[in-house]
Amino acid sequence: MEAVILQVYGRVQGVGFRYYTHQKALELGIAGFVENRPDGSVYIEAEGEAKALGDFVVWCHRGPQWARVSEVKMTPMPPLGINGFSVR
């Protein structure tokens, strides 16, 4: 298991980014959560198997159709053994 914190910038609020992030996480077996931040970014804590987490990170660089991701900051973190994925 690996885990990361992702901070996603650009046009990522008001475009369904959290909803589609939740769907992609469930599809890939990723645990964690996603939430909007006051600065207009989206904050994600995610953990899962290395391959699935890598695929998830790649998806976060694109986001859903209406999003325009300009930057993704990624910080490794220790896995916490989280179950499920939530939208906050």
Protein backbone atom coordinates (compact mmCIF):
# COMPACT_ATOMS: atom_id res chain seq x y z
CA MET A 1 0.00 0.00 0.00
CA GLU A 2 1.05 3.53 -0.82
CA ALA A 3 -0.56 6.85 0.06
CA VAL A 4 -0.39 10.42 -1.20
CA ILE A 5 -1.83 13.87 -0.61
CA LEU A 6 -2.87 15.61 -3.82
CA GLN A 7 -3.65 19.30 -4.13
CA VAL A 8 -5.30 19.98 -7.47
CA TYR A 9 -5.44 23.52 -8.89
CA GLY A 10 -7.20 25.12 -11.84
CA ARG A 11 -10.90 25.11 -12.71
CA VAL A 12 -11.66 22.23 -10.36
CA GLN A 13 -14.61 23.46 -8.31
CA GLY A 14 -18.14 23.64 -9.66
CA VAL A 15 -17.36 21.10 -12.40
CA GLY A 16 -18.11 17.81 -10.61
CA PHE A 17 -14.48 17.15 -9.73
CA ARG A 18 -15.25 15.65 -6.30
CA TYR A 19 -18.06 13.46 -7.66
CA TYR A 20 -15.93 12.05 -10.47
CA THR A 21 -12.92 11.66 -8.17
CA HIS A 22 -15.13 9.55 -5.90
CA GLN A 23 -16.27 7.43 -8.86
CA LYS A 24 -12.68 6.91 -10.10
CA ALA A 25 -11.48 6.01 -6.59
CA LEU A 26 -14.20 3.36 -6.24
CA GLU A 27 -13.39 2.00 -9.70
CA LEU A 28 -9.69 1.64 -8.82
CA GLY A 29 -10.09 0.48 -5.21
CA ILE A 30 -8.60 3.67 -3.75
CA ALA A 31 -9.40 4.66 -0.17
CA GLY A 32 -9.41 8.17 1.28
CA PHE A 33 -11.35 11.38 0.73
CA VAL A 34 -11.73 14.46 -1.45
CA GLU A 35 -12.78 17.96 -0.43
CA ASN A 36 -12.93 21.50 -1.79
CA ARG A 37 -10.64 24.09 -0.25
CA PRO A 38 -11.41 27.80 0.27
CA ASP A 39 -8.59 28.77 -2.14
CA GLY A 40 -10.47 27.09 -5.03
CA SER A 41 -8.35 23.93 -5.06
CA VAL A 42 -9.36 20.34 -4.42
CA TYR A 43 -7.59 18.39 -1.66
CA ILE A 44 -7.33 14.59 -1.82
CA GLU A 45 -5.88 11.99 0.52
CA ALA A 46 -5.65 8.66 -1.28
CA GLU A 47 -4.18 5.25 -0.60
CA GLY A 48 -4.11 1.96 -2.44
CA GLU A 49 -1.97 -0.49 -4.33
CA ALA A 50 0.90 1.16 -6.23
CA LYS A 51 -0.47 0.55 -9.75
CA ALA A 52 -4.01 1.66 -8.89
CA LEU A 53 -2.74 4.73 -7.04
CA GLY A 54 -0.55 5.63 -10.01
CA ASP A 55 -3.54 5.38 -12.34
CA PHE A 56 -5.58 7.52 -9.94
CA VAL A 57 -2.89 10.22 -9.83
CA VAL A 58 -2.72 10.27 -13.64
CA TRP A 59 -6.50 10.72 -13.78
CA CYS A 60 -6.32 13.59 -11.25
CA HIS A 61 -4.00 15.45 -13.63
CA ARG A 62 -6.88 15.46 -16.16
CA GLY A 63 -10.01 15.34 -14.02
CA PRO A 64 -13.52 15.20 -15.47
CA GLN A 65 -14.44 16.64 -18.85
CA TRP A 66 -15.34 20.15 -17.61
CA ALA A 67 -12.32 20.59 -15.33
CA ARG A 68 -9.16 22.40 -16.39
CA VAL A 69 -6.33 21.19 -14.15
CA SER A 70 -3.39 23.59 -14.14
CA GLU A 71 -1.26 21.99 -11.40
CA VAL A 72 -1.17 18.97 -9.10
CA LYS A 73 1.05 19.00 -6.03
CA MET A 74 1.73 15.50 -4.71
CA THR A 75 3.14 14.67 -1.28
CA PRO A 76 3.78 11.08 -0.13
CA MET A 77 2.33 10.10 3.22
CA PRO A 78 2.25 6.88 5.25
CA PRO A 79 -0.78 4.65 4.57
CA LEU A 80 -3.36 4.95 7.34
CA GLY A 81 -5.39 1.82 6.60
CA ILE A 82 -8.45 3.82 5.58
CA ASN A 83 -11.50 1.95 4.27
CA GLY A 84 -13.74 3.46 1.61
CA PHE A 85 -13.60 6.81 -0.15
CA SER A 86 -15.68 9.82 0.87
CA VAL A 87 -16.58 13.26 -0.44
CA ARG A 88 -16.36 15.98 2.17
